[in-house]
Amino acid sequence: MPTLTIRNVPTETVKTLKSLARRNKRSMEQEVRELLQGFLAERRSVLEQIETSWADQTRRPTAKEVESWIATGRP
């Protein structure tokens, strides 16, 4: 199985990961794996929903429409 090394992780992030791991009765390494897998599964699901929605469209939105939607989501 491949190994992933992450350098320069902020101290507060490590403390939070350790706390979550203790709460879930896992090692910090297992906690990170679970978090990554959960995030990626959710991301994949969202992308699949978007792709399905795009496939159902009768027309593609214009660049102006897309820019408007993006701007709406910004503060």
PDB file of N, CA and C in Angstrom:
ATOM      1  N   MET A   1       0.851  -1.174   0.000  1.00  0.00           N
ATOM      2  CA  MET A   1       0.000   0.000   0.000  1.00  0.00           C
ATOM      3  C   MET A   1       0.898   1.239   0.000  1.00  0.00           C
ATOM      4  N   PRO A   2       0.579   2.254  -0.777  1.00  0.00           N
ATOM      5  CA  PRO A   2       1.387   3.470  -0.832  1.00  0.00           C
ATOM      6  C   PRO A   2       1.405   4.212   0.512  1.00  0.00           C
ATOM      7  N   THR A   3       2.431   5.017   0.695  1.00  0.00           N
ATOM      8  CA  THR A   3       2.577   5.835   1.895  1.00  0.00           C
ATOM      9  C   THR A   3       2.468   7.298   1.510  1.00  0.00           C
ATOM     10  N   LEU A   4       1.800   8.073   2.348  1.00  0.00           N
ATOM     11  CA  LEU A   4       1.630   9.500   2.127  1.00  0.00           C
ATOM     12  C   LEU A   4       2.306  10.234   3.279  1.00  0.00           C
ATOM     13  N   THR A   5       3.218  11.119   2.974  1.00  0.00           N
ATOM     14  CA  THR A   5       3.900  11.912   3.993  1.00  0.00           C
ATOM     15  C   THR A   5       3.459  13.359   3.854  1.00  0.00           C
ATOM     16  N   ILE A   6       3.055  13.947   4.968  1.00  0.00           N
ATOM     17  CA  ILE A   6       2.621  15.341   4.954  1.00  0.00           C
ATOM     18  C   ILE A   6       3.520  16.110   5.910  1.00  0.00           C
ATOM     19  N   ARG A   7       4.219  17.091   5.392  1.00  0.00           N
ATOM     20  CA  ARG A   7       5.145  17.885   6.202  1.00  0.00           C
ATOM     21  C   ARG A   7       4.515  19.221   6.595  1.00  0.00           C
ATOM     22  N   ASN A   8       5.085  19.813   7.614  1.00  0.00           N
ATOM     23  CA  ASN A   8       4.713  21.164   8.058  1.00  0.00           C
ATOM     24  C   ASN A   8       3.233  21.300   8.431  1.00  0.00           C
ATOM     25  N   VAL A   9       2.717  20.286   9.108  1.00  0.00           N
ATOM     26  CA  VAL A   9       1.332  20.345   9.576  1.00  0.00           C
ATOM     27  C   VAL A   9       1.299  21.239  10.810  1.00  0.00           C
ATOM     28  N   PRO A  10       0.422  22.232  10.840  1.00  0.00           N
ATOM     29  CA  PRO A  10       0.350  23.123  11.996  1.00  0.00           C
ATOM     30  C   PRO A  10       0.089  22.349  13.299  1.00  0.00           C
ATOM     31  N   THR A  11       0.705  22.806  14.360  1.00  0.00           N
ATOM     32  CA  THR A  11       0.584  22.149  15.665  1.00  0.00           C
ATOM     33  C   THR A  11      -0.876  22.001  16.083  1.00  0.00           C
ATOM     34  N   GLU A  12      -1.663  23.030  15.881  1.00  0.00           N
ATOM     35  CA  GLU A  12      -3.082  22.978  16.268  1.00  0.00           C
ATOM     36  C   GLU A  12      -3.837  21.891  15.493  1.00  0.00           C
ATOM     37  N   THR A  13      -3.488  21.705  14.240  1.00  0.00           N
ATOM     38  CA  THR A  13      -4.115  20.656  13.430  1.00  0.00           C
ATOM     39  C   THR A  13      -3.766  19.281  13.987  1.00  0.00           C
ATOM     40  N   VAL A  14      -2.518  19.090  14.362  1.00  0.00           N
ATOM     41  CA  VAL A  14      -2.090  17.803  14.934  1.00  0.00           C
ATOM     42  C   VAL A  14      -2.817  17.549  16.249  1.00  0.00           C
ATOM     43  N   LYS A  15      -2.924  18.580  17.097  1.00  0.00           N
ATOM     44  CA  LYS A  15      -3.643  18.426  18.370  1.00  0.00           C
ATOM     45  C   LYS A  15      -5.098  18.020  18.126  1.00  0.00           C
ATOM     46  N   THR A  16      -5.716  18.667  17.154  1.00  0.00           N
ATOM     47  CA  THR A  16      -7.113  18.352  16.840  1.00  0.00           C
ATOM     48  C   THR A  16      -7.248  16.927  16.332  1.00  0.00           C
ATOM     49  N   LEU A  17      -6.336  16.512  15.456  1.00  0.00           N
ATOM     50  CA  LEU A  17      -6.369  15.136  14.944  1.00  0.00           C
ATOM     51  C   LEU A  17      -6.193  14.124  16.072  1.00  0.00           C
ATOM     52  N   LYS A  18      -5.268  14.400  16.979  1.00  0.00           N
ATOM     53  CA  LYS A  18      -5.050  13.493  18.110  1.00  0.00           C
ATOM     54  C   LYS A  18      -6.290  13.408  18.981  1.00  0.00           C
ATOM     55  N   SER A  19      -6.931  14.550  19.207  1.00  0.00           N
ATOM     56  CA  SER A  19      -8.147  14.577  20.013  1.00  0.00           C
ATOM     57  C   SER A  19      -9.269  13.774  19.353  1.00  0.00           C
ATOM     58  N   LEU A  20      -9.447  13.980  18.052  1.00  0.00           N
ATOM     59  CA  LEU A  20     -10.473  13.211  17.311  1.00  0.00           C
ATOM     60  C   LEU A  20     -10.172  11.718  17.347  1.00  0.00           C
ATOM     61  N   ALA A  21      -8.906  11.387  17.176  1.00  0.00           N
ATOM     62  CA  ALA A  21      -8.509   9.977  17.182  1.00  0.00           C
ATOM     63  C   ALA A  21      -8.825   9.338  18.539  1.00  0.00           C
ATOM     64  N   ARG A  22      -8.484  10.031  19.625  1.00  0.00           N
ATOM     65  CA  ARG A  22      -8.791   9.501  20.965  1.00  0.00           C
ATOM     66  C   ARG A  22     -10.288   9.306  21.135  1.00  0.00           C
ATOM     67  N   ARG A  23     -11.055  10.308  20.718  1.00  0.00           N
ATOM     68  CA  ARG A  23     -12.513  10.239  20.860  1.00  0.00           C
ATOM     69  C   ARG A  23     -13.092   9.057  20.085  1.00  0.00           C
ATOM     70  N   ASN A  24     -12.505   8.767  18.925  1.00  0.00           N
ATOM     71  CA  ASN A  24     -13.001   7.677  18.079  1.00  0.00           C
ATOM     72  C   ASN A  24     -12.277   6.353  18.311  1.00  0.00           C
ATOM     73  N   LYS A  25     -11.396   6.345  19.349  1.00  0.00           N
ATOM     74  CA  LYS A  25     -10.647   5.133  19.701  1.00  0.00           C
ATOM     75  C   LYS A  25      -9.850   4.588  18.512  1.00  0.00           C
ATOM     76  N   ARG A  26      -9.139   5.515  17.845  1.00  0.00           N
ATOM     77  CA  ARG A  26      -8.304   5.150  16.703  1.00  0.00           C
ATOM     78  C   ARG A  26      -6.935   5.799  16.877  1.00  0.00           C
ATOM     79  N   SER A  27      -5.981   5.297  16.110  1.00  0.00           N
ATOM     80  CA  SER A  27      -4.693   5.984  16.052  1.00  0.00           C
ATOM     81  C   SER A  27      -4.880   7.243  15.220  1.00  0.00           C
ATOM     82  N   MET A  28      -3.955   8.189  15.374  1.00  0.00           N
ATOM     83  CA  MET A  28      -4.040   9.407  14.580  1.00  0.00           C
ATOM     84  C   MET A  28      -3.927   9.064  13.094  1.00  0.00           C
ATOM     85  N   GLU A  29      -3.087   8.111  12.767  1.00  0.00           N
ATOM     86  CA  GLU A  29      -2.921   7.698  11.369  1.00  0.00           C
ATOM     87  C   GLU A  29      -4.237   7.167  10.800  1.00  0.00           C
ATOM     88  N   GLN A  30      -4.925   6.331  11.585  1.00  0.00           N
ATOM     89  CA  GLN A  30      -6.217   5.797  11.128  1.00  0.00           C
ATOM     90  C   GLN A  30      -7.255   6.906  11.014  1.00  0.00           C
ATOM     91  N   GLU A  31      -7.194   7.853  11.943  1.00  0.00           N
ATOM     92  CA  GLU A  31      -8.140   8.985  11.893  1.00  0.00           C
ATOM     93  C   GLU A  31      -7.957   9.776  10.606  1.00  0.00           C
ATOM     94  N   VAL A  32      -6.709  10.030  10.241  1.00  0.00           N
ATOM     95  CA  VAL A  32      -6.428  10.776   9.006  1.00  0.00           C
ATOM     96  C   VAL A  32      -6.932   9.990   7.796  1.00  0.00           C
ATOM     97  N   ARG A  33      -6.705   8.675   7.797  1.00  0.00           N
ATOM     98  CA  ARG A  33      -7.207   7.848   6.682  1.00  0.00           C
ATOM     99  C   ARG A  33      -8.719   7.943   6.573  1.00  0.00           C
ATOM    100  N   GLU A  34      -9.400   7.843   7.715  1.00  0.00           N
ATOM    101  CA  GLU A  34     -10.870   7.915   7.725  1.00  0.00           C
ATOM    102  C   GLU A  34     -11.350   9.275   7.223  1.00  0.00           C
ATOM    103  N   LEU A  35     -10.716  10.344   7.685  1.00  0.00           N
ATOM    104  CA  LEU A  35     -11.105  11.681   7.246  1.00  0.00           C
ATOM    105  C   LEU A  35     -10.908  11.861   5.744  1.00  0.00           C
ATOM    106  N   LEU A  36      -9.773  11.420   5.244  1.00  0.00           N
ATOM    107  CA  LEU A  36      -9.509  11.532   3.799  1.00  0.00           C
ATOM    108  C   LEU A  36     -10.511  10.716   2.984  1.00  0.00           C
ATOM    109  N   GLN A  37     -10.742   9.487   3.417  1.00  0.00           N
ATOM    110  CA  GLN A  37     -11.688   8.637   2.683  1.00  0.00           C
ATOM    111  C   GLN A  37     -13.087   9.234   2.697  1.00  0.00           C
ATOM    112  N   GLY A  38     -13.511   9.754   3.849  1.00  0.00           N
ATOM    113  CA  GLY A  38     -14.837  10.363   3.947  1.00  0.00           C
ATOM    114  C   GLY A  38     -14.955  11.595   3.063  1.00  0.00           C
ATOM    115  N   PHE A  39     -13.932  12.442   3.096  1.00  0.00           N
ATOM    116  CA  PHE A  39     -13.943  13.648   2.273  1.00  0.00           C
ATOM    117  C   PHE A  39     -13.992  13.290   0.797  1.00  0.00           C
ATOM    118  N   LEU A  40     -13.150  12.341   0.385  1.00  0.00           N
ATOM    119  CA  LEU A  40     -13.094  11.980  -1.027  1.00  0.00           C
ATOM    120  C   LEU A  40     -14.376  11.294  -1.495  1.00  0.00           C
ATOM    121  N   ALA A  41     -14.989  10.481  -0.638  1.00  0.00           N
ATOM    122  CA  ALA A  41     -16.261   9.843  -1.006  1.00  0.00           C
ATOM    123  C   ALA A  41     -17.344  10.900  -1.207  1.00  0.00           C
ATOM    124  N   GLU A  42     -17.362  11.887  -0.296  1.00  0.00           N
ATOM    125  CA  GLU A  42     -18.354  12.971  -0.420  1.00  0.00           C
ATOM    126  C   GLU A  42     -18.101  13.785  -1.684  1.00  0.00           C
ATOM    127  N   ARG A  43     -16.847  14.080  -1.932  1.00  0.00           N
ATOM    128  CA  ARG A  43     -16.468  14.851  -3.128  1.00  0.00           C
ATOM    129  C   ARG A  43     -16.872  14.106  -4.402  1.00  0.00           C
ATOM    130  N   ARG A  44     -16.599  12.801  -4.422  1.00  0.00           N
ATOM    131  CA  ARG A  44     -16.949  11.976  -5.584  1.00  0.00           C
ATOM    132  C   ARG A  44     -18.463  11.984  -5.797  1.00  0.00           C
ATOM    133  N   SER A  45     -19.214  11.888  -4.702  1.00  0.00           N
ATOM    134  CA  SER A  45     -20.676  11.891  -4.789  1.00  0.00           C
ATOM    135  C   SER A  45     -21.188  13.203  -5.367  1.00  0.00           C
ATOM    136  N   VAL A  46     -20.636  14.310  -4.897  1.00  0.00           N
ATOM    137  CA  VAL A  46     -21.050  15.618  -5.404  1.00  0.00           C
ATOM    138  C   VAL A  46     -20.738  15.737  -6.888  1.00  0.00           C
ATOM    139  N   LEU A  47     -19.542  15.320  -7.273  1.00  0.00           N
ATOM    140  CA  LEU A  47     -19.164  15.396  -8.692  1.00  0.00           C
ATOM    141  C   LEU A  47     -20.063  14.516  -9.560  1.00  0.00           C
ATOM    142  N   GLU A  48     -20.429  13.343  -9.056  1.00  0.00           N
ATOM    143  CA  GLU A  48     -21.340  12.468  -9.811  1.00  0.00           C
ATOM    144  C   GLU A  48     -22.709  13.126  -9.964  1.00  0.00           C
ATOM    145  N   GLN A  49     -23.173  13.798  -8.898  1.00  0.00           N
ATOM    146  CA  GLN A  49     -24.455  14.499  -8.980  1.00  0.00           C
ATOM    147  C   GLN A  49     -24.395  15.628 -10.010  1.00  0.00           C
ATOM    148  N   ILE A  50     -23.281  16.339 -10.021  1.00  0.00           N
ATOM    149  CA  ILE A  50     -23.108  17.421 -10.995  1.00  0.00           C
ATOM    150  C   ILE A  50     -23.097  16.856 -12.410  1.00  0.00           C
ATOM    151  N   GLU A  51     -22.350  15.775 -12.613  1.00  0.00           N
ATOM    152  CA  GLU A  51     -22.281  15.172 -13.946  1.00  0.00           C
ATOM    153  C   GLU A  51     -23.648  14.685 -14.407  1.00  0.00           C
ATOM    154  N   THR A  52     -24.407  14.094 -13.491  1.00  0.00           N
ATOM    155  CA  THR A  52     -25.758  13.637 -13.834  1.00  0.00           C
ATOM    156  C   THR A  52     -26.638  14.821 -14.198  1.00  0.00           C
ATOM    157  N   SER A  53     -26.542  15.878 -13.405  1.00  0.00           N
ATOM    158  CA  SER A  53     -27.325  17.079 -13.675  1.00  0.00           C
ATOM    159  C   SER A  53     -26.971  17.670 -15.033  1.00  0.00           C
ATOM    160  N   TRP A  54     -25.665  17.706 -15.334  1.00  0.00           N
ATOM    161  CA  TRP A  54     -25.228  18.238 -16.636  1.00  0.00           C
ATOM    162  C   TRP A  54     -25.776  17.386 -17.772  1.00  0.00           C
ATOM    163  N   ALA A  55     -25.786  16.082 -17.590  1.00  0.00           N
ATOM    164  CA  ALA A  55     -26.265  15.187 -18.645  1.00  0.00           C
ATOM    165  C   ALA A  55     -27.748  15.405 -18.920  1.00  0.00           C
ATOM    166  N   ASP A  56     -28.491  15.837 -17.885  1.00  0.00           N
ATOM    167  CA  ASP A  56     -29.934  16.052 -18.023  1.00  0.00           C
ATOM    168  C   ASP A  56     -30.283  17.424 -18.612  1.00  0.00           C
ATOM    169  N   GLN A  57     -29.311  18.297 -18.752  1.00  0.00           N
ATOM    170  CA  GLN A  57     -29.560  19.640 -19.256  1.00  0.00           C
ATOM    171  C   GLN A  57     -29.889  19.609 -20.755  1.00  0.00           C
ATOM    172  N   THR A  58     -30.838  20.437 -21.133  1.00  0.00           N
ATOM    173  CA  THR A  58     -31.174  20.526 -22.554  1.00  0.00           C
ATOM    174  C   THR A  58     -30.244  21.492 -23.279  1.00  0.00           C
ATOM    175  N   ARG A  59     -29.616  22.379 -22.499  1.00  0.00           N
ATOM    176  CA  ARG A  59     -28.632  23.299 -23.080  1.00  0.00           C
ATOM    177  C   ARG A  59     -27.560  23.579 -22.041  1.00  0.00           C
ATOM    178  N   ARG A  60     -26.415  23.974 -22.508  1.00  0.00           N
ATOM    179  CA  ARG A  60     -25.318  24.330 -21.616  1.00  0.00           C
ATOM    180  C   ARG A  60     -25.495  25.791 -21.183  1.00  0.00           C
ATOM    181  N   PRO A  61     -25.168  26.104 -19.923  1.00  0.00           N
ATOM    182  CA  PRO A  61     -25.266  27.501 -19.500  1.00  0.00           C
ATOM    183  C   PRO A  61     -24.195  28.333 -20.197  1.00  0.00           C
ATOM    184  N   THR A  62     -24.485  29.603 -20.332  1.00  0.00           N
ATOM    185  CA  THR A  62     -23.510  30.505 -20.935  1.00  0.00           C
ATOM    186  C   THR A  62     -22.428  30.828 -19.903  1.00  0.00           C
ATOM    187  N   ALA A  63     -21.310  31.349 -20.381  1.00  0.00           N
ATOM    188  CA  ALA A  63     -20.228  31.748 -19.482  1.00  0.00           C
ATOM    189  C   ALA A  63     -20.717  32.806 -18.503  1.00  0.00           C
ATOM    190  N   LYS A  64     -21.562  33.696 -18.986  1.00  0.00           N
ATOM    191  CA  LYS A  64     -22.102  34.753 -18.132  1.00  0.00           C
ATOM    192  C   LYS A  64     -22.945  34.163 -16.993  1.00  0.00           C
ATOM    193  N   GLU A  65     -23.762  33.154 -17.306  1.00  0.00           N
ATOM    194  CA  GLU A  65     -24.568  32.501 -16.272  1.00  0.00           C
ATOM    195  C   GLU A  65     -23.672  31.840 -15.220  1.00  0.00           C
ATOM    196  N   VAL A  66     -22.647  31.140 -15.666  1.00  0.00           N
ATOM    197  CA  VAL A  66     -21.733  30.462 -14.745  1.00  0.00           C
ATOM    198  C   VAL A  66     -21.033  31.487 -13.858  1.00  0.00           C
ATOM    199  N   GLU A  67     -20.554  32.551 -14.446  1.00  0.00           N
ATOM    200  CA  GLU A  67     -19.893  33.608 -13.675  1.00  0.00           C
ATOM    201  C   GLU A  67     -20.844  34.190 -12.632  1.00  0.00           C
ATOM    202  N   SER A  68     -22.097  34.363 -12.986  1.00  0.00           N
ATOM    203  CA  SER A  68     -23.099  34.877 -12.060  1.00  0.00           C
ATOM    204  C   SER A  68     -23.310  33.921 -10.889  1.00  0.00           C
ATOM    205  N   TRP A  69     -23.380  32.622 -11.186  1.00  0.00           N
ATOM    206  CA  TRP A  69     -23.558  31.624 -10.111  1.00  0.00           C
ATOM    207  C   TRP A  69     -22.370  31.617  -9.171  1.00  0.00           C
ATOM    208  N   ILE A  70     -21.168  31.708  -9.724  1.00  0.00           N
ATOM    209  CA  ILE A  70     -19.950  31.716  -8.918  1.00  0.00           C
ATOM    210  C   ILE A  70     -19.946  32.957  -8.026  1.00  0.00           C
ATOM    211  N   ALA A  71     -20.273  34.113  -8.615  1.00  0.00           N
ATOM    212  CA  ALA A  71     -20.285  35.366  -7.862  1.00  0.00           C
ATOM    213  C   ALA A  71     -21.302  35.322  -6.732  1.00  0.00           C
ATOM    214  N   THR A  72     -22.404  34.640  -6.935  1.00  0.00           N
ATOM    215  CA  THR A  72     -23.445  34.541  -5.929  1.00  0.00           C
ATOM    216  C   THR A  72     -22.920  33.810  -4.683  1.00  0.00           C
ATOM    217  N   GLY A  73     -22.052  32.857  -4.893  1.00  0.00           N
ATOM    218  CA  GLY A  73     -21.511  32.084  -3.779  1.00  0.00           C
ATOM    219  C   GLY A  73     -20.391  32.774  -3.048  1.00  0.00           C
ATOM    220  N   ARG A  74     -19.962  33.922  -3.509  1.00  0.00           N
ATOM    221  CA  ARG A  74     -18.847  34.656  -2.882  1.00  0.00           C
ATOM    222  C   ARG A  74     -19.374  35.739  -1.953  1.00  0.00           C
ATOM    223  N   PRO A  75     -18.655  35.962  -0.850  1.00  0.00           N
ATOM    224  CA  PRO A  75     -19.073  37.041   0.086  1.00  0.00           C
ATOM    225  C   PRO A  75     -18.779  38.402  -0.480  1.00  0.00           C
TER     226      PRO A  75
END
